[in-house]
């Protein structure tokens, strides 16, 4: 049974998080296919603030990677380079 694109995207996201580590306030990881074997992977974080009258959550892309995968769905190249930061 062939691997679906969703499964490949999920595998890519997992590999990026394993390489980078889990940032504080991690909100989401998105992977968008941008070529035959290329993905843009964004690491989203949430910052929460509160005042006496309201509560606010702001989201930001903390890290962004352009990755190329091999035939098995493993990351072969990453820009910037994947480094353990957390």
N, C-alpha and C. Protein backbone atom coordinates (compact mmCIF):
# COMPACT_ATOMS: atom_id res chain seq x y z
N UNK A 1 0.85 -1.19 0.00
CA UNK A 1 0.00 0.00 0.00
C UNK A 1 0.89 1.25 0.00
N UNK A 2 0.71 2.13 -0.96
CA UNK A 2 1.56 3.33 -1.02
C UNK A 2 1.27 4.29 0.13
N UNK A 3 2.29 5.05 0.48
CA UNK A 3 2.18 6.05 1.54
C UNK A 3 1.47 7.28 0.97
N UNK A 4 0.51 7.82 1.71
CA UNK A 4 -0.23 9.00 1.25
C UNK A 4 0.59 10.27 1.50
N UNK A 5 0.21 11.34 0.83
CA UNK A 5 0.89 12.62 1.03
C UNK A 5 0.72 13.12 2.46
N UNK A 6 -0.43 12.88 3.07
CA UNK A 6 -0.64 13.27 4.47
C UNK A 6 0.32 12.52 5.39
N UNK A 7 0.55 11.24 5.11
CA UNK A 7 1.48 10.46 5.92
C UNK A 7 2.91 10.97 5.76
N UNK A 8 3.27 11.33 4.54
CA UNK A 8 4.61 11.88 4.30
C UNK A 8 4.77 13.21 5.02
N UNK A 9 3.76 14.09 4.93
CA UNK A 9 3.82 15.39 5.61
C UNK A 9 3.94 15.19 7.12
N UNK A 10 3.21 14.24 7.66
CA UNK A 10 3.27 13.95 9.10
C UNK A 10 4.66 13.46 9.48
N UNK A 11 5.23 12.63 8.66
CA UNK A 11 6.59 12.12 8.92
C UNK A 11 7.61 13.25 8.88
N UNK A 12 7.47 14.15 7.92
CA UNK A 12 8.38 15.30 7.80
C UNK A 12 8.27 16.18 9.04
N UNK A 13 7.05 16.47 9.50
CA UNK A 13 6.86 17.30 10.70
C UNK A 13 7.52 16.64 11.91
N UNK A 14 7.34 15.34 12.06
CA UNK A 14 7.95 14.62 13.18
C UNK A 14 9.47 14.71 13.15
N UNK A 15 10.04 14.55 11.96
CA UNK A 15 11.50 14.62 11.83
C UNK A 15 12.04 16.01 12.16
N UNK A 16 11.33 17.05 11.74
CA UNK A 16 11.76 18.41 12.04
C UNK A 16 11.71 18.65 13.55
N UNK A 17 10.63 18.23 14.20
CA UNK A 17 10.53 18.42 15.65
C UNK A 17 11.58 17.61 16.41
N UNK A 18 11.88 16.42 15.94
CA UNK A 18 12.93 15.63 16.59
C UNK A 18 14.28 16.31 16.46
N UNK A 19 14.55 16.90 15.30
CA UNK A 19 15.82 17.59 15.08
C UNK A 19 15.92 18.89 15.85
N UNK A 20 14.84 19.63 15.91
CA UNK A 20 14.82 20.95 16.55
C UNK A 20 14.61 20.85 18.05
N UNK A 21 13.76 19.94 18.47
CA UNK A 21 13.30 19.88 19.85
C UNK A 21 11.96 20.59 19.93
N UNK A 22 11.32 20.50 21.09
CA UNK A 22 9.99 21.10 21.26
C UNK A 22 10.10 22.48 21.88
N UNK A 23 9.77 23.53 21.10
CA UNK A 23 9.85 24.88 21.65
C UNK A 23 8.80 25.11 22.74
N UNK A 24 9.11 25.99 23.70
CA UNK A 24 8.09 26.34 24.69
C UNK A 24 6.89 26.97 23.98
N UNK A 25 5.73 26.76 24.49
CA UNK A 25 4.48 27.27 23.94
C UNK A 25 4.21 26.80 22.51
N UNK A 26 4.67 25.58 22.17
CA UNK A 26 4.40 25.03 20.84
C UNK A 26 2.89 25.01 20.61
N UNK A 27 2.47 25.55 19.49
CA UNK A 27 1.04 25.59 19.15
C UNK A 27 0.71 24.59 18.04
N UNK A 28 1.53 24.60 16.97
CA UNK A 28 1.23 23.75 15.82
C UNK A 28 2.47 23.62 14.96
N UNK A 29 2.50 22.56 14.18
CA UNK A 29 3.54 22.36 13.16
C UNK A 29 2.80 22.11 11.86
N UNK A 30 3.13 22.88 10.84
CA UNK A 30 2.50 22.70 9.53
C UNK A 30 3.55 22.34 8.50
N UNK A 31 3.18 21.49 7.56
CA UNK A 31 4.07 21.11 6.46
C UNK A 31 3.27 21.21 5.17
N UNK A 32 3.75 22.04 4.27
CA UNK A 32 3.07 22.27 3.01
C UNK A 32 3.98 21.81 1.87
N UNK A 33 3.48 20.93 1.04
CA UNK A 33 4.28 20.44 -0.09
C UNK A 33 4.43 21.56 -1.11
N UNK A 34 5.66 21.84 -1.50
CA UNK A 34 5.92 22.93 -2.45
C UNK A 34 6.67 22.46 -3.69
N UNK A 35 6.88 21.17 -3.81
CA UNK A 35 7.55 20.60 -4.97
C UNK A 35 7.44 19.09 -4.91
N UNK A 36 8.03 18.42 -5.88
CA UNK A 36 7.94 16.96 -5.93
C UNK A 36 8.37 16.31 -4.62
N UNK A 37 9.49 16.77 -4.07
CA UNK A 37 10.00 16.22 -2.80
C UNK A 37 10.40 17.33 -1.84
N UNK A 38 9.70 18.45 -1.88
CA UNK A 38 10.05 19.60 -1.06
C UNK A 38 8.86 20.05 -0.21
N UNK A 39 9.17 20.48 1.01
CA UNK A 39 8.14 20.95 1.94
C UNK A 39 8.60 22.22 2.62
N UNK A 40 7.65 23.10 2.92
CA UNK A 40 7.87 24.24 3.80
C UNK A 40 7.27 23.82 5.14
N UNK A 41 8.08 23.80 6.18
CA UNK A 41 7.63 23.39 7.51
C UNK A 41 7.71 24.60 8.43
N UNK A 42 6.58 24.96 9.04
CA UNK A 42 6.52 26.09 9.97
C UNK A 42 6.22 25.58 11.37
N UNK A 43 6.96 26.11 12.34
CA UNK A 43 6.77 25.80 13.75
C UNK A 43 6.08 27.01 14.38
N UNK A 44 4.82 26.84 14.78
CA UNK A 44 4.02 27.93 15.35
C UNK A 44 4.06 27.87 16.87
N UNK A 45 4.22 29.03 17.50
CA UNK A 45 4.13 29.12 18.96
C UNK A 45 3.05 30.13 19.33
N UNK A 46 2.56 29.99 20.56
CA UNK A 46 1.51 30.86 21.07
C UNK A 46 2.02 31.60 22.29
N UNK A 47 1.72 32.88 22.34
CA UNK A 47 2.05 33.69 23.51
C UNK A 47 0.74 34.22 24.06
N UNK A 48 0.55 34.01 25.35
CA UNK A 48 -0.69 34.45 25.96
C UNK A 48 -0.43 35.62 26.89
N UNK A 49 -1.34 36.56 26.85
CA UNK A 49 -1.26 37.71 27.75
C UNK A 49 -2.66 38.00 28.28
N UNK A 50 -2.69 38.58 29.43
CA UNK A 50 -3.98 38.88 30.04
C UNK A 50 -3.90 40.23 30.74
N UNK A 51 -5.01 40.91 30.72
CA UNK A 51 -5.16 42.15 31.49
C UNK A 51 -6.34 41.93 32.42
N UNK A 52 -6.67 42.95 33.12
CA UNK A 52 -7.81 42.86 34.04
C UNK A 52 -9.11 42.55 33.30
N UNK A 53 -9.18 42.98 32.01
CA UNK A 53 -10.44 42.89 31.28
C UNK A 53 -10.45 41.91 30.11
N UNK A 54 -9.31 41.41 29.70
CA UNK A 54 -9.34 40.49 28.56
C UNK A 54 -8.17 39.51 28.61
N UNK A 55 -8.25 38.55 27.72
CA UNK A 55 -7.25 37.53 27.56
C UNK A 55 -6.92 37.46 26.08
N UNK A 56 -5.64 37.42 25.73
CA UNK A 56 -5.25 37.47 24.32
C UNK A 56 -4.18 36.41 24.05
N UNK A 57 -4.33 35.71 22.93
CA UNK A 57 -3.33 34.76 22.47
C UNK A 57 -2.83 35.23 21.10
N UNK A 58 -1.53 35.38 20.98
CA UNK A 58 -0.97 35.73 19.68
C UNK A 58 -0.12 34.57 19.18
N UNK A 59 -0.22 34.29 17.89
CA UNK A 59 0.51 33.20 17.27
C UNK A 59 1.61 33.77 16.39
N UNK A 60 2.72 33.04 16.34
CA UNK A 60 3.79 33.46 15.44
C UNK A 60 4.54 32.24 14.93
N UNK A 61 5.12 32.39 13.75
CA UNK A 61 5.99 31.34 13.22
C UNK A 61 7.35 31.55 13.88
N UNK A 62 7.68 30.64 14.78
CA UNK A 62 8.94 30.73 15.52
C UNK A 62 10.12 30.25 14.67
N UNK A 63 9.87 29.22 13.87
CA UNK A 63 10.90 28.64 13.00
C UNK A 63 10.25 28.24 11.68
N UNK A 64 11.01 28.34 10.60
CA UNK A 64 10.53 27.93 9.30
C UNK A 64 11.66 27.23 8.56
N UNK A 65 11.35 26.08 7.97
CA UNK A 65 12.35 25.29 7.26
C UNK A 65 11.85 24.93 5.88
N UNK A 66 12.76 24.90 4.92
CA UNK A 66 12.49 24.37 3.60
C UNK A 66 13.26 23.06 3.54
N UNK A 67 12.55 21.95 3.40
CA UNK A 67 13.22 20.64 3.43
C UNK A 67 12.96 19.87 2.15
N UNK A 68 13.95 19.07 1.80
CA UNK A 68 13.82 18.13 0.68
C UNK A 68 13.94 16.73 1.26
N UNK A 69 13.12 15.81 0.74
CA UNK A 69 13.10 14.45 1.26
C UNK A 69 13.64 13.47 0.22
N UNK A 70 14.09 12.32 0.71
CA UNK A 70 14.55 11.26 -0.20
C UNK A 70 13.37 10.36 -0.58
N UNK A 71 13.64 9.28 -1.28
CA UNK A 71 12.58 8.37 -1.75
C UNK A 71 11.82 7.69 -0.62
N UNK A 72 12.44 7.62 0.57
CA UNK A 72 11.80 6.97 1.71
C UNK A 72 11.06 7.94 2.62
N UNK A 73 11.07 9.23 2.26
CA UNK A 73 10.37 10.23 3.07
C UNK A 73 11.21 10.79 4.21
N UNK A 74 12.50 10.53 4.18
CA UNK A 74 13.40 11.08 5.20
C UNK A 74 14.00 12.39 4.71
N UNK A 75 14.22 13.32 5.64
CA UNK A 75 14.79 14.61 5.26
C UNK A 75 16.22 14.42 4.79
N UNK A 76 16.49 14.86 3.57
CA UNK A 76 17.82 14.77 2.98
C UNK A 76 18.55 16.11 3.07
N UNK A 77 17.78 17.21 3.00
CA UNK A 77 18.35 18.56 3.08
C UNK A 77 17.39 19.45 3.86
N UNK A 78 17.96 20.44 4.54
CA UNK A 78 17.13 21.41 5.27
C UNK A 78 17.79 22.77 5.22
N UNK A 79 16.97 23.79 4.94
CA UNK A 79 17.43 25.18 4.97
C UNK A 79 16.50 25.94 5.88
N UNK A 80 16.94 26.53 6.99
CA UNK A 80 18.29 26.37 7.51
C UNK A 80 18.50 24.95 8.02
N UNK A 81 19.74 24.67 8.36
CA UNK A 81 20.10 23.36 8.89
C UNK A 81 19.33 23.08 10.18
N UNK A 82 18.87 21.85 10.32
CA UNK A 82 18.18 21.45 11.56
C UNK A 82 19.20 21.29 12.68
N UNK A 83 19.00 22.04 13.76
CA UNK A 83 19.86 21.96 14.94
C UNK A 83 18.98 21.82 16.16
N UNK A 84 19.45 21.08 17.14
CA UNK A 84 18.71 20.94 18.38
C UNK A 84 18.81 22.23 19.17
N UNK A 85 17.68 22.91 19.35
CA UNK A 85 17.65 24.17 20.09
C UNK A 85 16.90 24.05 21.41
N UNK A 86 16.15 22.99 21.58
CA UNK A 86 15.33 22.85 22.79
C UNK A 86 15.53 21.49 23.43
